[in-house]
């Protein structure tokens, strides 16, 4: 990929940065000369491989484990990032999961809270911890990973996931208003069908993927690099005028 010179030497924290879309985002930041703090929950091997890749590119990198549904772990993640780099320019809130498909009549309170905590509460914990450090810069950026499900409601069985991703869209707009005066832009991306990730490998059948792809105007599914390029664009426009926005990455199957 072509290097984004605006990102050279910037300090980036990426949650769930060692799997799926997060891994692609991390690699794109490294290729642009940024220092990366790679959060992971269960992907230690990939996280360490990414650190080695960053070292080969002469940029700093650190892999940090944690359960971000726990406020203490979220706080520790940010603190370790600051210890490693001395500051923070960009936060990428990528952590999230469908967990499982359950219809309304199957939903139990524990499952509801689990999905909401993974997708929304963890984002709030990390963002709150990171905001004071982002505010120390003249210009900083946050990019939140939402989903097409947050726009359309998702497929049957994704009620809680879609609800949490819709909440991220509103959270992004509200946070952009609150943090704008501190020089922090806040935007989101809403990916559609992005194949080749553990998410869709686990939760999307080949038949469902083929049916969805057939309805996409450009006649192909997306890939992780499609999302990563959009994330880097929003993250790197330090002197830009874009905040509180959501960039839809779905091949034209849905727009508003």
Protein backbone atom coordinates (compact mmCIF):
# COMPACT_ATOMS: atom_id res chain seq x y z
CA UNK A 1 0.00 0.00 0.00
CA UNK A 2 1.06 3.61 -0.50
CA UNK A 3 2.36 5.18 2.70
CA UNK A 4 0.23 7.85 4.36
CA UNK A 5 2.88 10.41 5.31
CA UNK A 6 0.54 12.18 7.73
CA UNK A 7 0.73 9.12 9.96
CA UNK A 8 4.51 8.85 10.08
CA UNK A 9 5.63 8.82 13.72
CA UNK A 10 2.10 9.03 15.12
CA UNK A 11 1.12 6.89 18.10
CA UNK A 12 -1.87 4.61 17.54
CA UNK A 13 -3.86 2.36 19.86
CA UNK A 14 -5.93 -0.32 18.13
CA UNK A 15 -8.29 -2.52 20.12
CA UNK A 16 -8.59 -6.11 18.86
CA UNK A 17 -5.75 -5.20 16.54
CA UNK A 18 -4.52 -8.74 15.93
CA UNK A 19 -7.41 -10.42 14.15
CA UNK A 20 -9.62 -9.89 11.12
CA UNK A 21 -10.21 -6.27 10.21
CA UNK A 22 -8.11 -5.17 13.19
CA UNK A 23 -5.06 -7.00 11.87
CA UNK A 24 -5.42 -5.30 8.48
CA UNK A 25 -5.78 -1.90 10.16
CA UNK A 26 -2.66 -2.52 12.23
CA UNK A 27 -0.61 -3.50 9.17
CA UNK A 28 -1.75 -0.43 7.25
CA UNK A 29 -0.73 1.85 10.11
CA UNK A 30 2.67 0.14 10.35
CA UNK A 31 3.18 0.54 6.60
CA UNK A 32 2.46 4.26 7.04
CA UNK A 33 5.23 4.61 9.62
CA UNK A 34 3.03 4.83 12.71
CA UNK A 35 3.82 3.39 16.12
CA UNK A 36 1.17 0.85 17.11
CA UNK A 37 -0.12 -0.47 20.42
CA UNK A 38 -1.86 -3.70 19.51
CA UNK A 39 -4.50 -4.83 21.95
CA UNK A 40 -5.49 -8.49 21.86
CA UNK A 41 -7.65 -10.82 23.91
CA UNK A 42 -6.85 -14.27 22.51
CA UNK A 43 -4.65 -13.65 19.45
CA UNK A 44 -1.25 -13.49 21.16
CA UNK A 45 0.66 -15.18 18.34
CA UNK A 46 -0.64 -12.80 15.69
CA UNK A 47 -0.05 -9.79 17.94
CA UNK A 48 3.56 -10.80 18.46
CA UNK A 49 4.01 -11.40 14.73
CA UNK A 50 2.72 -7.88 14.08
CA UNK A 51 5.23 -6.49 16.57
CA UNK A 52 7.99 -8.26 14.64
CA UNK A 53 6.62 -6.85 11.40
CA UNK A 54 6.65 -3.33 12.86
CA UNK A 55 10.24 -3.81 14.01
CA UNK A 56 11.22 -4.81 10.47
CA UNK A 57 9.71 -1.50 9.30
CA UNK A 58 11.64 0.49 11.95
CA UNK A 59 8.55 1.60 13.85
CA UNK A 60 7.66 1.01 17.48
CA UNK A 61 5.07 -1.57 18.46
CA UNK A 62 3.81 -3.20 21.62
CA UNK A 63 1.29 -6.02 22.13
CA UNK A 64 -0.99 -5.66 25.14
CA UNK A 65 -3.53 -8.22 26.32
CA UNK A 66 -6.72 -7.45 28.21
CA UNK A 67 -10.45 -8.02 28.68
CA UNK A 68 -11.83 -4.62 27.77
CA UNK A 69 -15.21 -5.35 29.33
CA UNK A 70 -13.31 -4.82 32.60
CA UNK A 71 -12.64 -1.17 33.32
CA UNK A 72 -9.33 -1.93 35.03
CA UNK A 73 -8.04 -3.73 31.93
CA UNK A 74 -9.13 -0.87 29.69
CA UNK A 75 -7.36 1.65 31.90
CA UNK A 76 -4.23 -0.52 31.98
CA UNK A 77 -4.25 -0.79 28.18
CA UNK A 78 -4.11 2.97 27.80
CA UNK A 79 -1.53 3.37 30.55
CA UNK A 80 0.77 0.77 28.96
CA UNK A 81 0.40 2.52 25.59
CA UNK A 82 1.47 5.82 27.11
CA UNK A 83 4.38 4.14 28.87
CA UNK A 84 5.54 2.66 25.56
CA UNK A 85 5.16 5.74 23.36
CA UNK A 86 4.92 8.76 25.66
CA UNK A 87 1.68 9.94 24.07
CA UNK A 88 -1.34 9.03 21.96
CA UNK A 89 -2.56 10.55 18.69
CA UNK A 90 -5.18 8.13 17.41
CA UNK A 91 -7.55 5.60 18.99
CA UNK A 92 -9.15 2.89 16.87
CA UNK A 93 -12.04 1.21 18.69
CA UNK A 94 -12.26 -2.04 16.77
CA UNK A 95 -13.13 -4.65 19.44
CA UNK A 96 -16.52 -6.29 19.01
CA UNK A 97 -18.36 -9.54 18.37
CA UNK A 98 -21.71 -11.00 17.43
CA UNK A 99 -20.95 -13.84 19.91
CA UNK A 100 -23.87 -15.97 18.63
CA UNK A 101 -27.11 -15.66 16.71
CA UNK A 102 -30.15 -15.59 18.98
CA UNK A 103 -33.71 -14.54 18.21
CA UNK A 104 -35.76 -12.35 20.52
CA UNK A 105 -37.49 -15.28 22.22
CA UNK A 106 -34.11 -16.88 22.90
CA UNK A 107 -32.47 -13.85 24.49
CA UNK A 108 -31.49 -14.07 28.12
CA UNK A 109 -30.35 -11.11 30.16
CA UNK A 110 -26.82 -12.45 30.53
CA UNK A 111 -26.40 -12.77 26.75
CA UNK A 112 -27.79 -9.28 26.16
CA UNK A 113 -25.34 -7.76 28.64
CA UNK A 114 -22.41 -9.80 27.31
CA UNK A 115 -22.81 -8.58 23.73
CA UNK A 116 -23.49 -4.98 24.78
CA UNK A 117 -20.45 -5.03 27.06
CA UNK A 118 -18.15 -6.40 24.36
CA UNK A 119 -19.30 -3.97 21.68
CA UNK A 120 -20.30 -0.82 23.53
CA UNK A 121 -19.18 -0.77 27.18
CA UNK A 122 -15.61 -1.73 26.29
CA UNK A 123 -15.50 1.15 23.80
CA UNK A 124 -16.66 3.57 26.46
CA UNK A 125 -14.04 2.35 28.95
CA UNK A 126 -11.14 2.69 26.50
CA UNK A 127 -12.31 6.01 25.08
CA UNK A 128 -12.74 7.57 28.51
CA UNK A 129 -9.26 6.45 29.53
CA UNK A 130 -7.67 7.64 26.29
CA UNK A 131 -9.41 11.01 25.88
CA UNK A 132 -7.20 13.01 28.29
CA UNK A 133 -4.08 11.91 26.40
CA UNK A 134 -5.61 12.59 23.00
CA UNK A 135 -6.57 16.07 24.22
CA UNK A 136 -2.92 16.91 24.90
CA UNK A 137 -2.33 17.16 21.15
CA UNK A 138 -3.49 20.02 18.96
CA UNK A 139 -5.28 17.52 16.73
CA UNK A 140 -6.22 13.92 17.52
CA UNK A 141 -8.61 11.35 16.12
CA UNK A 142 -10.88 8.50 17.17
CA UNK A 143 -12.37 6.01 14.72
CA UNK A 144 -15.06 3.63 15.94
CA UNK A 145 -15.94 0.38 14.15
CA UNK A 146 -19.70 0.11 13.68
CA UNK A 147 -21.46 -2.11 11.13
CA UNK A 148 -24.00 -2.16 8.35
CA UNK A 149 -26.10 -4.07 10.89
CA UNK A 150 -26.30 -0.83 12.88
CA UNK A 151 -27.89 0.81 9.83
CA UNK A 152 -30.20 -1.96 8.59
CA UNK A 153 -30.78 -4.11 11.66
CA UNK A 154 -28.79 -7.12 10.53
CA UNK A 155 -29.91 -10.63 9.70
CA UNK A 156 -32.20 -12.65 12.02
CA UNK A 157 -30.43 -13.58 15.22
CA UNK A 158 -28.28 -10.46 15.34
CA UNK A 159 -30.69 -8.29 17.34
CA UNK A 160 -28.30 -7.45 20.19
CA UNK A 161 -25.30 -7.02 17.91
CA UNK A 162 -27.19 -4.70 15.57
CA UNK A 163 -28.53 -2.70 18.51
CA UNK A 164 -25.03 -2.24 19.93
CA UNK A 165 -23.64 -1.18 16.55
CA UNK A 166 -26.48 1.30 16.13
CA UNK A 167 -25.57 2.69 19.54
CA UNK A 168 -21.99 3.18 18.32
CA UNK A 169 -23.27 5.41 15.51
CA UNK A 170 -25.04 7.65 18.02
CA UNK A 171 -22.10 7.48 20.45
CA UNK A 172 -19.84 8.70 17.66
CA UNK A 173 -22.04 11.70 16.89
CA UNK A 174 -22.46 12.64 20.54
CA UNK A 175 -18.77 12.23 21.34
CA UNK A 176 -17.71 14.34 18.36
CA UNK A 177 -19.69 17.25 19.79
CA UNK A 178 -18.24 16.78 23.26
CA UNK A 179 -14.60 16.30 22.27
CA UNK A 180 -14.46 18.66 19.30
CA UNK A 181 -13.43 21.67 21.39
CA UNK A 182 -10.47 19.62 22.64
CA UNK A 183 -9.17 19.07 19.12
CA UNK A 184 -10.37 15.48 18.88
CA UNK A 185 -12.31 14.37 15.83
CA UNK A 186 -14.55 11.32 16.25
CA UNK A 187 -15.81 9.29 13.29
CA UNK A 188 -17.02 5.79 12.55
CA UNK A 189 -16.94 3.26 9.74
CA UNK A 190 -19.78 0.84 9.06
CA UNK A 191 -18.54 -2.18 7.10
CA UNK A 192 -20.95 -4.43 5.24
CA UNK A 193 -20.10 -7.95 4.10
CA UNK A 194 -16.34 -8.28 4.69
CA UNK A 195 -15.31 -11.83 3.89
CA UNK A 196 -12.16 -13.61 5.00
CA UNK A 197 -12.57 -12.63 8.66
CA UNK A 198 -13.22 -14.91 11.61
CA UNK A 199 -16.52 -13.05 12.15
CA UNK A 200 -18.05 -14.12 8.85
CA UNK A 201 -16.23 -17.45 8.81
CA UNK A 202 -18.05 -18.22 12.06
CA UNK A 203 -21.43 -16.54 11.67
CA UNK A 204 -22.14 -16.34 7.91
CA UNK A 205 -22.90 -19.35 5.73
CA UNK A 206 -21.58 -19.59 2.17
CA UNK A 207 -25.18 -19.49 0.93
CA UNK A 208 -25.94 -16.32 2.89
CA UNK A 209 -22.71 -14.66 1.72
CA UNK A 210 -23.48 -15.52 -1.91
CA UNK A 211 -27.02 -14.15 -1.64
CA UNK A 212 -25.78 -10.93 -0.04
CA UNK A 213 -23.00 -10.53 -2.61
CA UNK A 214 -25.50 -10.90 -5.46
CA UNK A 215 -27.32 -7.84 -4.15
CA UNK A 216 -24.22 -5.63 -3.94
CA UNK A 217 -24.09 -3.14 -6.85
CA UNK A 218 -20.36 -3.61 -7.48
CA UNK A 219 -20.86 -7.40 -7.42
CA UNK A 220 -18.28 -8.36 -4.86
CA UNK A 221 -17.93 -8.67 -1.11
CA UNK A 222 -15.52 -6.45 0.76
CA UNK A 223 -12.22 -7.39 2.32
CA UNK A 224 -10.30 -6.21 5.38
CA UNK A 225 -8.09 -3.89 3.35
CA UNK A 226 -11.18 -2.03 2.11
CA UNK A 227 -12.01 -1.17 5.71
CA UNK A 228 -8.43 -0.46 6.76
CA UNK A 229 -7.93 2.16 4.03
CA UNK A 230 -11.08 3.98 5.12
CA UNK A 231 -10.04 3.90 8.78
CA UNK A 232 -6.63 5.36 7.95
CA UNK A 233 -8.21 8.11 5.89
CA UNK A 234 -10.49 9.23 8.71
CA UNK A 235 -7.72 8.87 11.29
CA UNK A 236 -5.13 10.85 9.39
CA UNK A 237 -7.08 13.96 8.44
CA UNK A 238 -5.79 15.91 11.44
CA UNK A 239 -6.58 19.29 9.93
CA UNK A 240 -9.77 18.02 8.32
CA UNK A 241 -13.37 19.08 8.74
CA UNK A 242 -14.88 15.60 9.08
CA UNK A 243 -16.18 14.65 12.52
CA UNK A 244 -19.32 12.96 13.80
CA UNK A 245 -19.59 11.14 10.48
CA UNK A 246 -19.98 7.49 9.55
CA UNK A 247 -18.38 6.17 6.38
CA UNK A 248 -20.36 3.27 4.94
CA UNK A 249 -18.21 0.53 3.36
CA UNK A 250 -20.64 -1.86 1.70
CA UNK A 251 -20.23 -1.72 -2.07
CA UNK A 252 -23.36 0.40 -2.47
CA UNK A 253 -25.86 -2.10 -1.05
CA UNK A 254 -27.05 0.52 1.44
CA UNK A 255 -26.59 4.28 1.58
CA UNK A 256 -28.16 7.24 3.26
